[in-house]
Protein backbone atom coordinates (compact mmCIF):
# COMPACT_ATOMS: atom_id res chain seq x y z
CA MET A 1 -34.14 -5.51 5.56
CA GLY A 2 -36.73 -8.43 6.03
CA ALA A 3 -37.74 -9.88 2.47
CA GLU A 4 -34.95 -9.64 0.38
CA LEU A 5 -34.34 -13.38 1.59
CA ARG A 6 -38.01 -14.72 1.97
CA GLY A 7 -38.46 -18.05 0.67
CA ARG A 8 -35.14 -18.97 0.79
CA HIS A 9 -33.03 -21.26 3.17
CA ALA A 10 -29.69 -20.86 3.71
CA LEU A 11 -26.58 -23.15 5.42
CA VAL A 12 -24.30 -21.99 7.67
CA THR A 13 -21.32 -24.09 8.98
CA GLY A 14 -19.70 -23.23 12.04
CA GLY A 15 -23.13 -20.97 12.85
CA GLY A 16 -22.69 -20.59 16.38
CA ARG A 17 -20.86 -17.96 17.10
CA GLY A 18 -18.50 -15.51 15.78
CA ILE A 19 -18.61 -14.72 11.83
CA GLY A 20 -21.06 -17.54 11.46
CA ARG A 21 -23.49 -16.45 13.86
CA ALA A 22 -23.24 -13.10 12.55
CA ILE A 23 -24.40 -14.46 9.24
CA ALA A 24 -26.91 -16.54 10.65
CA ALA A 25 -28.58 -13.46 12.28
CA LEU A 26 -28.30 -10.95 9.23
CA LEU A 27 -29.73 -13.57 6.92
CA THR A 28 -32.70 -14.49 9.54
CA ALA A 29 -33.14 -10.75 9.47
CA ALA A 30 -33.10 -10.65 5.37
CA GLY A 31 -35.92 -13.05 5.42
CA ALA A 32 -34.02 -16.44 5.10
CA ARG A 33 -34.96 -19.54 6.67
CA VAL A 34 -31.27 -20.26 8.10
CA SER A 35 -29.98 -23.71 9.44
CA ILE A 36 -26.93 -23.85 11.28
CA ILE A 37 -24.30 -26.92 12.13
CA GLY A 38 -21.48 -26.91 15.07
CA ARG A 39 -20.26 -28.84 17.38
CA ASP A 40 -21.40 -27.67 20.73
CA GLU A 41 -25.21 -28.22 21.42
CA ALA A 42 -25.37 -25.61 24.05
CA THR A 43 -24.38 -22.84 21.59
CA LEU A 44 -26.75 -24.30 18.91
CA ALA A 45 -29.46 -24.19 21.20
CA GLU A 46 -28.68 -20.39 22.43
CA ALA A 47 -28.53 -19.55 18.78
CA LYS A 48 -31.90 -21.06 18.06
CA ALA A 49 -34.00 -19.70 20.90
CA SER A 50 -32.48 -16.17 20.27
CA GLY A 51 -34.42 -16.47 17.12
CA ASP A 52 -31.45 -15.88 14.85
CA VAL A 53 -32.06 -19.31 13.34
CA TRP A 54 -34.56 -21.69 11.93
CA ALA A 55 -33.27 -24.85 12.67
CA THR A 56 -29.59 -26.68 14.07
CA ALA A 57 -27.60 -30.07 13.72
CA SER A 58 -24.57 -31.28 15.20
CA ALA A 59 -21.54 -32.31 13.51
CA ASP A 60 -17.87 -31.83 13.43
CA ILE A 61 -17.17 -30.41 10.41
CA THR A 62 -14.37 -32.95 9.53
CA ASP A 63 -16.34 -35.81 9.71
CA GLU A 64 -17.45 -35.89 6.92
CA THR A 65 -20.56 -38.55 7.42
CA ALA A 66 -21.53 -37.05 9.88
CA THR A 67 -21.57 -33.52 8.29
CA ARG A 68 -23.13 -35.09 5.54
CA ASN A 69 -26.22 -36.36 7.19
CA ALA A 70 -26.85 -33.60 9.32
CA ILE A 71 -26.91 -31.14 6.22
CA ALA A 72 -29.15 -34.13 4.36
CA ARG A 73 -31.50 -33.53 7.85
CA LEU A 74 -31.79 -30.25 7.53
CA GLY A 75 -32.15 -30.00 3.89
CA ASP A 76 -35.22 -32.33 4.51
CA LYS A 77 -37.07 -29.53 5.81
CA ALA A 78 -36.22 -27.18 2.64
CA PRO A 79 -33.93 -27.09 -0.37
CA PHE A 80 -30.72 -25.50 0.25
CA ASP A 81 -30.48 -21.64 -1.75
CA VAL A 82 -27.60 -20.50 -0.29
CA VAL A 83 -24.80 -22.58 1.65
CA VAL A 84 -21.80 -20.73 3.63
CA ALA A 85 -19.43 -22.54 4.39
CA ASN A 86 -17.60 -21.00 7.47
CA ALA A 87 -16.38 -22.97 10.09
CA GLY A 88 -12.75 -23.34 10.24
CA TRP A 89 -9.78 -22.59 12.41
CA ALA A 90 -5.46 -22.14 12.11
CA GLU A 91 -2.94 -23.82 13.96
CA THR A 92 0.03 -21.32 14.22
CA ALA A 93 3.85 -23.12 13.94
CA SER A 94 6.86 -22.89 11.37
CA PHE A 95 6.80 -25.09 8.62
CA ALA A 96 9.85 -26.69 10.05
CA ARG A 97 7.60 -27.80 13.24
CA SER A 98 4.36 -28.48 10.66
CA ASP A 99 4.10 -32.43 10.28
CA ASN A 100 2.03 -33.46 7.43
CA ALA A 101 -0.58 -34.00 10.57
CA LEU A 102 -1.30 -30.57 11.14
CA PHE A 103 -1.49 -30.34 7.18
CA ARG A 104 -4.13 -33.01 7.25
CA ARG A 105 -5.69 -30.94 10.03
CA MET A 106 -5.67 -27.92 8.26
CA LEU A 107 -6.81 -29.34 5.25
CA ASP A 108 -9.93 -31.30 6.47
CA VAL A 109 -11.68 -28.22 8.42
CA ASN A 110 -10.41 -25.38 6.33
CA PHE A 111 -10.93 -27.25 2.91
CA MET A 112 -12.60 -30.29 3.07
CA GLY A 113 -15.47 -29.23 5.28
CA VAL A 114 -16.12 -26.65 2.17
CA VAL A 115 -15.76 -29.31 -0.49
CA THR A 116 -18.17 -31.67 1.85
CA SER A 117 -20.65 -28.95 2.64
CA PHE A 118 -21.04 -27.89 -1.12
CA HIS A 119 -21.09 -31.16 -2.26
CA ALA A 120 -23.94 -32.08 -0.18
CA ALA A 121 -26.15 -28.99 -1.72
CA LEU A 122 -25.07 -28.91 -5.31
CA PRO A 123 -27.74 -31.34 -6.52
CA SER A 124 -31.17 -30.01 -5.47
CA MET A 125 -29.73 -26.53 -6.41
CA LYS A 126 -28.85 -27.59 -9.69
CA ASP A 127 -32.54 -29.08 -10.12
CA ARG A 128 -34.28 -25.99 -9.19
CA GLY A 129 -31.35 -23.60 -11.53
CA TYR A 130 -30.47 -21.33 -8.35
CA GLY A 131 -27.68 -21.61 -5.88
CA ARG A 132 -25.25 -19.03 -3.82
CA LEU A 133 -22.23 -21.22 -2.59
CA ILE A 134 -20.06 -18.94 -0.51
CA ALA A 135 -16.70 -19.91 1.10
CA ILE A 136 -15.63 -17.83 4.08
CA ALA A 137 -11.76 -18.26 3.67
CA SER A 138 -8.97 -15.62 4.34
CA THR A 139 -6.38 -12.97 3.65
CA ALA A 140 -4.08 -15.84 3.99
CA GLY A 141 -5.88 -17.49 1.40
CA LEU A 142 -4.42 -14.32 -0.76
CA ARG A 143 -1.34 -14.26 0.53
CA GLY A 144 1.45 -15.96 2.49
CA TYR A 145 1.67 -15.61 6.58
CA PRO A 146 4.69 -16.79 8.75
CA GLY A 147 3.69 -19.78 10.91
CA VAL A 148 0.67 -20.39 9.31
CA SER A 149 2.15 -22.42 6.33
CA ALA A 150 -0.37 -24.83 6.14
CA TYR A 151 -3.57 -22.99 7.53
CA SER A 152 -2.15 -20.78 4.52
CA ALA A 153 -2.37 -23.89 2.32
CA ALA A 154 -5.49 -24.59 2.92
CA LYS A 155 -7.21 -21.57 2.31
CA HIS A 156 -5.55 -21.04 -1.36
CA ALA A 157 -6.85 -24.59 -1.81
CA VAL A 158 -10.76 -22.92 -1.30
CA ILE A 159 -10.19 -20.01 -3.59
CA GLY A 160 -8.89 -22.22 -6.45
CA LEU A 161 -12.21 -24.08 -5.53
CA VAL A 162 -14.42 -21.49 -5.94
CA ARG A 163 -12.39 -20.24 -9.16
CA SER A 164 -13.32 -23.59 -10.71
CA LEU A 165 -16.92 -24.19 -9.88
CA ALA A 166 -17.73 -20.81 -11.12
CA LEU A 167 -16.88 -21.96 -14.55
CA GLU A 168 -18.43 -25.46 -13.73
CA TYR A 169 -21.92 -23.91 -13.11
CA ALA A 170 -21.78 -20.72 -14.89
CA THR A 171 -24.80 -21.54 -16.61
CA THR A 172 -26.67 -23.16 -13.96
CA GLY A 173 -27.98 -20.16 -11.93
CA ILE A 174 -25.63 -21.15 -9.14
CA THR A 175 -22.42 -18.93 -8.28
CA ALA A 176 -19.43 -19.86 -5.82
CA ASN A 177 -17.37 -16.99 -4.34
CA ALA A 178 -14.95 -16.82 -1.42
CA ILE A 179 -14.54 -13.78 1.24
CA CYS A 180 -11.15 -13.16 2.55
CA PRO A 181 -11.22 -11.60 5.93
CA GLY A 182 -8.43 -9.80 7.75
CA TYR A 183 -8.49 -10.90 11.03
CA THR A 184 -11.63 -10.37 12.50
CA ASP A 185 -13.10 -9.72 16.22
CA THR A 186 -14.22 -12.87 17.29
CA ASP A 187 -13.11 -15.63 20.01
CA LEU A 188 -11.18 -17.04 18.31
CA ILE A 189 -8.75 -13.64 18.46
CA ARG A 190 -9.77 -12.90 21.71
CA GLY A 191 -8.37 -16.50 22.71
CA GLY A 192 -5.08 -16.05 20.92
CA ALA A 193 -5.05 -12.38 22.60
CA GLU A 194 -5.50 -13.64 25.64
CA ALA A 195 -2.32 -15.96 25.52
CA ILE A 196 -0.45 -13.19 24.07
CA ALA A 197 -0.91 -11.08 27.19
CA ALA A 198 -0.45 -13.84 29.41
CA LYS A 199 3.30 -14.60 27.97
CA ARG A 200 4.07 -10.89 27.63
CA GLY A 201 2.62 -9.32 30.52
CA ILE A 202 0.70 -6.93 28.97
CA SER A 203 -2.69 -6.14 28.54
CA LEU A 204 -5.32 -7.84 26.30
CA GLU A 205 -6.47 -4.39 24.69
CA GLU A 206 -2.31 -4.35 23.62
CA ALA A 207 -2.73 -8.28 22.69
CA LYS A 208 -5.42 -7.83 20.60
CA SER A 209 -4.18 -4.48 18.74
CA GLY A 210 -1.26 -6.72 17.13
CA PHE A 211 -3.49 -8.13 15.48
CA ALA A 212 -4.72 -5.10 14.01
CA GLN A 213 -1.16 -3.84 12.68
CA ASP A 214 -1.34 -5.70 8.81
CA ASN A 215 -4.94 -3.74 8.46
CA PRO A 216 -3.48 -0.09 7.26
CA MET A 217 -7.04 1.00 8.88
CA LYS A 218 -5.28 -0.26 12.19
CA ARG A 219 -8.17 -2.25 13.31
CA LEU A 220 -9.88 -5.54 13.31
CA ILE A 221 -12.40 -6.66 11.09
CA MET A 222 -16.14 -6.94 12.51
CA PRO A 223 -18.08 -10.04 11.86
CA ASP A 224 -20.99 -8.04 10.83
CA GLU A 225 -18.80 -6.52 8.01
CA VAL A 226 -18.74 -10.46 6.77
CA ALA A 227 -22.22 -10.72 7.34
CA GLU A 228 -22.64 -8.10 4.78
CA THR A 229 -20.68 -9.00 2.32
CA VAL A 230 -22.85 -12.58 2.30
CA LEU A 231 -25.69 -11.13 1.93
CA TRP A 232 -24.67 -8.92 -0.88
CA LEU A 233 -23.64 -12.29 -2.80
CA CYS A 234 -26.93 -13.20 -2.12
CA SER A 235 -28.72 -10.05 -3.81
CA PRO A 236 -29.91 -10.13 -7.34
CA GLY A 237 -27.13 -7.24 -8.09
CA ALA A 238 -24.67 -10.05 -7.40
CA ALA A 239 -26.33 -12.30 -10.02
CA SER A 240 -23.13 -12.06 -12.16
CA VAL A 241 -20.73 -12.53 -9.36
CA SER A 242 -18.86 -15.09 -9.49
CA GLY A 243 -15.20 -17.09 -8.89
CA GLN A 244 -14.01 -14.26 -7.06
CA ALA A 245 -11.81 -14.11 -3.83
CA ILE A 246 -13.33 -10.53 -1.99
CA ALA A 247 -10.92 -9.44 0.45
CA ILE A 248 -12.50 -7.20 3.32
CA ASN A 249 -8.92 -6.15 4.62
CA GLY A 250 -8.76 -2.79 5.15
CA GLY A 251 -6.46 -2.41 2.12
CA GLU A 252 -3.79 -5.11 2.99
CA PHE A 253 -2.50 -6.27 0.36
């Protein structure tokens, strides 16, 4: 590793921690110049100081203007070859308790954030005849789960988007794909597990194990597993892979 993506410029949204940070670090190790967008200035600064990323910009992915401006600033350094739309989060509530505002929040961060990121980078990709559009979706984009109807709907929308883009840009050298991890060992899952542990009076590890029960392998997905899939989609061997929703879930269907 170290030369596969030499000369390529990659953007990772939500790249300061968790899955996004793992993706940024691996693409950097593969020779890419990696720029990340995130909300927390301290996290962005730490990522840059570590050497995992080349450049950073602060923006809330739900703010279209701020996100477009951040992408434009980073793109001025070099046009983007790869965009990994990773930023997102989930709110849990039954459908009966999920008002329209909750649905809009989930769509704004998990779907419209992808739309904004892809829109901003596509013109230069098309001009140069090369691009890799990769959305980090979820197994919730492939099936339903109780208590997360708004999140699941947003992730299903992401998969519909990449399938449409794959056809629209099929002759341009640009591919569009989604990666759909199951529960992944990140700060988000840790936070959820801590809340469950406190509520039920159980250990953190017991609470975390509950998230792994849907995975036939009975374990959480690791961020590096998602990052490796991103790297493969950027490789010459994946040039004909487009419009796919790649599940990383231990066989959960």
